[in-house]
Amino acid sequence: MTVPQLRHSLRRRRQASGFTLIEILLVIVIILLLAGALVVFVLPQQKGAERNTTRLMLQQVANALDTYRLNLGHYPNEQEGGLDALLKKPTFENERLGEKWQGPYLKPGTTLDDPWNNKIRYELADMTTQGQNSGALPYKLFSVGPDGQPDTEDDVKLASDTPDGAPSTGGAGSN
């Protein structure tokens, strides 16, 4: 092979190796289409998963509250620390009551935060109005949802926290 033929062969290899601008742009467009599809199909699923996780957490806390009531005869109040009484033993004035505490009622390491880093809300119902709704729970247990504001449409409430005791399935404050 002569020197001019060798140079010509090397030029062809250099030109043949590498990508053209069109090829690079085509790959970028394909990547952007895949990313767009991911956003369209995965993000709504994540929002639903966060709500389902919150509902499961509320049910777990409700079960722990019921166990607490079975052991002590009442639901935890503010003086006992509210939901914190499910995780660590409160200070009781009555020693006999303190002996009945069989906690922790939730697994160690359980955080009482929803997926949006808001505290789970727990409020004991007013005993004078409780008689009106015999099927209602004596407490409210809910998450304020992604916006962090109570009493809005995105709140996640315990399923049996409706006045008639039926699961909440839609409308303001039910999801």
C-alpha atoms as a PDB file:
ATOM      1  CA  MET A   1       0.000   0.000   0.000  1.00  0.00           C
ATOM      2  CA  THR A   2       1.351   3.387  -0.919  1.00  0.00           C
ATOM      3  CA  VAL A   3       1.431   6.433   1.338  1.00  0.00           C
ATOM      4  CA  PRO A   4      -1.423   8.260  -0.484  1.00  0.00           C
ATOM      5  CA  GLN A   5      -3.606   5.162  -0.273  1.00  0.00           C
ATOM      6  CA  LEU A   6      -2.856   4.843   3.453  1.00  0.00           C
ATOM      7  CA  ARG A   7      -3.829   8.489   4.072  1.00  0.00           C
ATOM      8  CA  HIS A   8      -7.024   8.043   2.092  1.00  0.00           C
ATOM      9  CA  SER A   9      -7.866   4.900   4.121  1.00  0.00           C
ATOM     10  CA  LEU A  10      -7.264   6.712   7.424  1.00  0.00           C
ATOM     11  CA  ARG A  11      -9.515   9.608   6.358  1.00  0.00           C
ATOM     12  CA  ARG A  12     -12.339   7.188   5.562  1.00  0.00           C
ATOM     13  CA  ARG A  13     -12.008   5.549   8.982  1.00  0.00           C
ATOM     14  CA  ARG A  14     -12.075   8.913  10.741  1.00  0.00           C
ATOM     15  CA  GLN A  15     -15.133  10.006   8.793  1.00  0.00           C
ATOM     16  CA  ALA A  16     -16.902   6.681   9.291  1.00  0.00           C
ATOM     17  CA  SER A  17     -16.269   6.561  13.042  1.00  0.00           C
ATOM     18  CA  GLY A  18     -18.409   8.810  15.257  1.00  0.00           C
ATOM     19  CA  PHE A  19     -22.021   9.964  15.114  1.00  0.00           C
ATOM     20  CA  THR A  20     -23.670  12.536  12.945  1.00  0.00           C
ATOM     21  CA  LEU A  21     -25.608  15.415  14.416  1.00  0.00           C
ATOM     22  CA  ILE A  22     -28.866  13.865  13.207  1.00  0.00           C
ATOM     23  CA  GLU A  23     -28.136  10.619  15.046  1.00  0.00           C
ATOM     24  CA  ILE A  24     -27.354  12.443  18.289  1.00  0.00           C
ATOM     25  CA  LEU A  25     -30.522  14.553  18.032  1.00  0.00           C
ATOM     26  CA  LEU A  26     -32.586  11.443  17.355  1.00  0.00           C
ATOM     27  CA  VAL A  27     -31.248   9.766  20.514  1.00  0.00           C
ATOM     28  CA  ILE A  28     -32.009  12.898  22.555  1.00  0.00           C
ATOM     29  CA  VAL A  29     -35.590  13.004  21.214  1.00  0.00           C
ATOM     30  CA  ILE A  30     -36.113   9.326  22.112  1.00  0.00           C
ATOM     31  CA  ILE A  31     -34.796   9.912  25.644  1.00  0.00           C
ATOM     32  CA  LEU A  32     -37.113  12.912  26.071  1.00  0.00           C
ATOM     33  CA  LEU A  33     -40.111  10.874  24.877  1.00  0.00           C
ATOM     34  CA  LEU A  34     -39.314   8.127  27.389  1.00  0.00           C
ATOM     35  CA  ALA A  35     -38.935  10.694  30.184  1.00  0.00           C
ATOM     36  CA  GLY A  36     -42.275  12.262  29.224  1.00  0.00           C
ATOM     37  CA  ALA A  37     -44.000   8.882  29.306  1.00  0.00           C
ATOM     38  CA  LEU A  38     -42.489   8.217  32.726  1.00  0.00           C
ATOM     39  CA  VAL A  39     -43.867  11.483  34.081  1.00  0.00           C
ATOM     40  CA  VAL A  40     -47.315  10.890  32.597  1.00  0.00           C
ATOM     41  CA  PHE A  41     -47.714   7.307  33.829  1.00  0.00           C
ATOM     42  CA  VAL A  42     -45.648   7.051  37.031  1.00  0.00           C
ATOM     43  CA  LEU A  43     -46.334  10.291  38.935  1.00  0.00           C
ATOM     44  CA  PRO A  44     -50.095   9.710  39.281  1.00  0.00           C
ATOM     45  CA  GLN A  45     -49.339   6.230  40.592  1.00  0.00           C
ATOM     46  CA  GLN A  46     -46.993   7.711  43.189  1.00  0.00           C
ATOM     47  CA  LYS A  47     -49.696  10.076  44.437  1.00  0.00           C
ATOM     48  CA  GLY A  48     -52.100   7.160  44.798  1.00  0.00           C
ATOM     49  CA  ALA A  49     -49.444   5.150  46.612  1.00  0.00           C
ATOM     50  CA  GLU A  50     -48.857   7.995  49.079  1.00  0.00           C
ATOM     51  CA  ARG A  51     -52.584   8.141  49.856  1.00  0.00           C
ATOM     52  CA  ASN A  52     -52.802   4.351  50.256  1.00  0.00           C
ATOM     53  CA  THR A  53     -49.759   4.356  52.530  1.00  0.00           C
ATOM     54  CA  THR A  54     -51.368   7.068  54.646  1.00  0.00           C
ATOM     55  CA  ARG A  55     -54.645   5.127  54.896  1.00  0.00           C
ATOM     56  CA  LEU A  56     -52.761   2.014  56.005  1.00  0.00           C
ATOM     57  CA  MET A  57     -50.831   4.038  58.581  1.00  0.00           C
ATOM     58  CA  LEU A  58     -54.054   5.539  59.943  1.00  0.00           C
ATOM     59  CA  GLN A  59     -55.571   2.055  60.242  1.00  0.00           C
ATOM     60  CA  GLN A  60     -52.469   0.815  62.080  1.00  0.00           C
ATOM     61  CA  VAL A  61     -52.641   3.745  64.510  1.00  0.00           C
ATOM     62  CA  ALA A  62     -56.392   3.160  64.997  1.00  0.00           C
ATOM     63  CA  ASN A  63     -55.715  -0.478  65.899  1.00  0.00           C
ATOM     64  CA  ALA A  64     -53.064   0.650  68.391  1.00  0.00           C
ATOM     65  CA  LEU A  65     -55.522   3.172  69.878  1.00  0.00           C
ATOM     66  CA  ASP A  66     -58.123   0.437  70.313  1.00  0.00           C
ATOM     67  CA  THR A  67     -55.590  -1.815  72.058  1.00  0.00           C
ATOM     68  CA  TYR A  68     -54.584   1.075  74.332  1.00  0.00           C
ATOM     69  CA  ARG A  69     -58.253   1.601  75.232  1.00  0.00           C
ATOM     70  CA  LEU A  70     -58.719  -2.094  75.953  1.00  0.00           C
ATOM     71  CA  ASN A  71     -55.763  -2.056  78.363  1.00  0.00           C
ATOM     72  CA  LEU A  72     -56.387   1.271  80.099  1.00  0.00           C
ATOM     73  CA  GLY A  73     -60.123   1.803  79.657  1.00  0.00           C
ATOM     74  CA  HIS A  74     -59.833   5.047  77.691  1.00  0.00           C
ATOM     75  CA  TYR A  75     -58.134   6.539  74.650  1.00  0.00           C
ATOM     76  CA  PRO A  76     -54.971   8.575  75.278  1.00  0.00           C
ATOM     77  CA  ASN A  77     -55.613  12.222  76.028  1.00  0.00           C
ATOM     78  CA  GLU A  78     -53.403  15.306  75.777  1.00  0.00           C
ATOM     79  CA  GLN A  79     -52.131  14.930  79.353  1.00  0.00           C
ATOM     80  CA  GLU A  80     -50.859  11.446  78.444  1.00  0.00           C
ATOM     81  CA  GLY A  81     -49.180  12.740  75.295  1.00  0.00           C
ATOM     82  CA  GLY A  82     -51.803  11.926  72.667  1.00  0.00           C
ATOM     83  CA  LEU A  83     -50.437   9.536  70.050  1.00  0.00           C
ATOM     84  CA  ASP A  84     -47.027   9.538  71.746  1.00  0.00           C
ATOM     85  CA  ALA A  85     -48.626   7.431  74.509  1.00  0.00           C
ATOM     86  CA  LEU A  86     -48.732   4.599  71.970  1.00  0.00           C
ATOM     87  CA  LEU A  87     -44.930   4.630  71.664  1.00  0.00           C
ATOM     88  CA  LYS A  88     -43.680   5.439  75.165  1.00  0.00           C
ATOM     89  CA  LYS A  89     -45.229   5.023  78.578  1.00  0.00           C
ATOM     90  CA  PRO A  90     -46.824   8.226  79.825  1.00  0.00           C
ATOM     91  CA  THR A  91     -46.560   9.414  83.404  1.00  0.00           C
ATOM     92  CA  PHE A  92     -49.768   8.436  85.170  1.00  0.00           C
ATOM     93  CA  GLU A  93     -50.937   9.962  88.455  1.00  0.00           C
ATOM     94  CA  ASN A  94     -52.588   6.654  89.323  1.00  0.00           C
ATOM     95  CA  GLU A  95     -49.976   3.874  89.666  1.00  0.00           C
ATOM     96  CA  ARG A  96     -52.543   1.152  89.019  1.00  0.00           C
ATOM     97  CA  LEU A  97     -53.359   2.776  85.692  1.00  0.00           C
ATOM     98  CA  GLY A  98     -49.665   2.892  84.847  1.00  0.00           C
ATOM     99  CA  GLU A  99     -49.370  -0.842  85.473  1.00  0.00           C
ATOM    100  CA  LYS A 100     -52.058  -1.509  82.869  1.00  0.00           C
ATOM    101  CA  TRP A 101     -50.002   0.118  80.095  1.00  0.00           C
ATOM    102  CA  GLN A 102     -48.693  -2.781  77.980  1.00  0.00           C
ATOM    103  CA  GLY A 103     -46.968  -0.778  75.214  1.00  0.00           C
ATOM    104  CA  PRO A 104     -45.457   0.185  73.023  1.00  0.00           C
ATOM    105  CA  TYR A 105     -48.538  -0.308  70.888  1.00  0.00           C
ATOM    106  CA  LEU A 106     -46.754   0.529  67.635  1.00  0.00           C
ATOM    107  CA  LYS A 107     -43.556  -1.027  66.334  1.00  0.00           C
ATOM    108  CA  PRO A 108     -40.406   0.653  67.661  1.00  0.00           C
ATOM    109  CA  GLY A 109     -39.123   3.212  65.175  1.00  0.00           C
ATOM    110  CA  THR A 110     -42.610   3.992  63.863  1.00  0.00           C
ATOM    111  CA  THR A 111     -42.917   7.643  62.982  1.00  0.00           C
ATOM    112  CA  LEU A 112     -46.247   9.356  63.222  1.00  0.00           C
ATOM    113  CA  ASP A 113     -45.618  11.396  60.068  1.00  0.00           C
ATOM    114  CA  ASP A 114     -47.430  11.013  56.773  1.00  0.00           C
ATOM    115  CA  PRO A 115     -45.569  10.728  53.428  1.00  0.00           C
ATOM    116  CA  TRP A 116     -45.657  14.533  53.127  1.00  0.00           C
ATOM    117  CA  ASN A 117     -43.809  14.942  56.480  1.00  0.00           C
ATOM    118  CA  ASN A 118     -46.873  16.237  58.330  1.00  0.00           C
ATOM    119  CA  LYS A 119     -47.759  14.876  61.762  1.00  0.00           C
ATOM    120  CA  ILE A 120     -50.740  12.529  61.936  1.00  0.00           C
ATOM    121  CA  ARG A 121     -53.530  14.440  63.701  1.00  0.00           C
ATOM    122  CA  TYR A 122     -55.445  12.898  66.604  1.00  0.00           C
ATOM    123  CA  GLU A 123     -58.290  14.647  68.373  1.00  0.00           C
ATOM    124  CA  LEU A 124     -60.583  13.161  70.991  1.00  0.00           C
ATOM    125  CA  ALA A 125     -64.230  13.892  70.236  1.00  0.00           C
ATOM    126  CA  ASP A 126     -66.328  15.990  72.575  1.00  0.00           C
ATOM    127  CA  MET A 127     -68.189  13.451  74.715  1.00  0.00           C
ATOM    128  CA  THR A 128     -71.363  15.601  74.787  1.00  0.00           C
ATOM    129  CA  THR A 129     -71.770  15.501  70.994  1.00  0.00           C
ATOM    130  CA  GLN A 130     -70.614  11.901  70.645  1.00  0.00           C
ATOM    131  CA  GLY A 131     -74.023  10.573  71.675  1.00  0.00           C
ATOM    132  CA  GLN A 132     -75.531  12.080  68.523  1.00  0.00           C
ATOM    133  CA  ASN A 133     -73.413   9.832  66.256  1.00  0.00           C
ATOM    134  CA  SER A 134     -73.480   6.424  67.886  1.00  0.00           C
ATOM    135  CA  GLY A 135     -71.572   4.813  64.979  1.00  0.00           C
ATOM    136  CA  ALA A 136     -68.811   7.427  64.934  1.00  0.00           C
ATOM    137  CA  LEU A 137     -65.433   6.919  66.550  1.00  0.00           C
ATOM    138  CA  PRO A 138     -64.748   8.832  69.792  1.00  0.00           C
ATOM    139  CA  TYR A 139     -61.744  10.434  68.108  1.00  0.00           C
ATOM    140  CA  LYS A 140     -60.657  11.960  64.810  1.00  0.00           C
ATOM    141  CA  LEU A 141     -57.562  10.520  63.166  1.00  0.00           C
ATOM    142  CA  PHE A 142     -56.388  12.109  59.928  1.00  0.00           C
ATOM    143  CA  SER A 143     -53.571  13.451  57.787  1.00  0.00           C
ATOM    144  CA  VAL A 144     -53.707  16.992  56.449  1.00  0.00           C
ATOM    145  CA  GLY A 145     -52.490  15.719  53.070  1.00  0.00           C
ATOM    146  CA  PRO A 146     -49.961  17.204  50.660  1.00  0.00           C
ATOM    147  CA  ASP A 147     -51.016  20.838  51.161  1.00  0.00           C
ATOM    148  CA  GLY A 148     -50.493  20.685  54.942  1.00  0.00           C
ATOM    149  CA  GLN A 149     -53.792  22.491  55.613  1.00  0.00           C
ATOM    150  CA  PRO A 150     -56.568  20.855  57.679  1.00  0.00           C
ATOM    151  CA  ASP A 151     -60.156  20.607  56.420  1.00  0.00           C
ATOM    152  CA  THR A 152     -59.329  20.674  52.708  1.00  0.00           C
ATOM    153  CA  GLU A 153     -60.148  18.242  49.902  1.00  0.00           C
ATOM    154  CA  ASP A 154     -56.766  16.517  50.002  1.00  0.00           C
ATOM    155  CA  ASP A 155     -57.045  15.428  53.664  1.00  0.00           C
ATOM    156  CA  VAL A 156     -56.763  11.679  54.256  1.00  0.00           C
ATOM    157  CA  LYS A 157     -59.077  10.458  56.984  1.00  0.00           C
ATOM    158  CA  LEU A 158     -59.584   7.131  58.658  1.00  0.00           C
ATOM    159  CA  ALA A 159     -62.133   5.194  56.549  1.00  0.00           C
ATOM    160  CA  SER A 160     -64.580   4.708  59.430  1.00  0.00           C
ATOM    161  CA  ASP A 161     -64.243   8.333  60.564  1.00  0.00           C
ATOM    162  CA  THR A 162     -67.494   9.356  58.846  1.00  0.00           C
ATOM    163  CA  PRO A 163     -70.618  10.128  60.877  1.00  0.00           C
ATOM    164  CA  ASP A 164     -72.559   7.097  59.615  1.00  0.00           C
ATOM    165  CA  GLY A 165     -69.581   4.743  60.052  1.00  0.00           C
ATOM    166  CA  ALA A 166     -69.468   3.985  56.316  1.00  0.00           C
ATOM    167  CA  PRO A 167     -66.160   4.158  54.476  1.00  0.00           C
ATOM    168  CA  SER A 168     -65.499   7.534  52.917  1.00  0.00           C
ATOM    169  CA  THR A 169     -65.190   7.271  49.149  1.00  0.00           C
ATOM    170  CA  GLY A 170     -65.094  10.736  47.701  1.00  0.00           C
ATOM    171  CA  GLY A 171     -65.835  14.392  48.086  1.00  0.00           C
ATOM    172  CA  ALA A 172     -64.243  16.941  50.316  1.00  0.00           C
ATOM    173  CA  GLY A 173     -62.046  15.619  53.082  1.00  0.00           C
ATOM    174  CA  SER A 174     -62.405  11.942  52.354  1.00  0.00           C
ATOM    175  CA  ASN A 175     -59.277  11.151  50.399  1.00  0.00           C
END
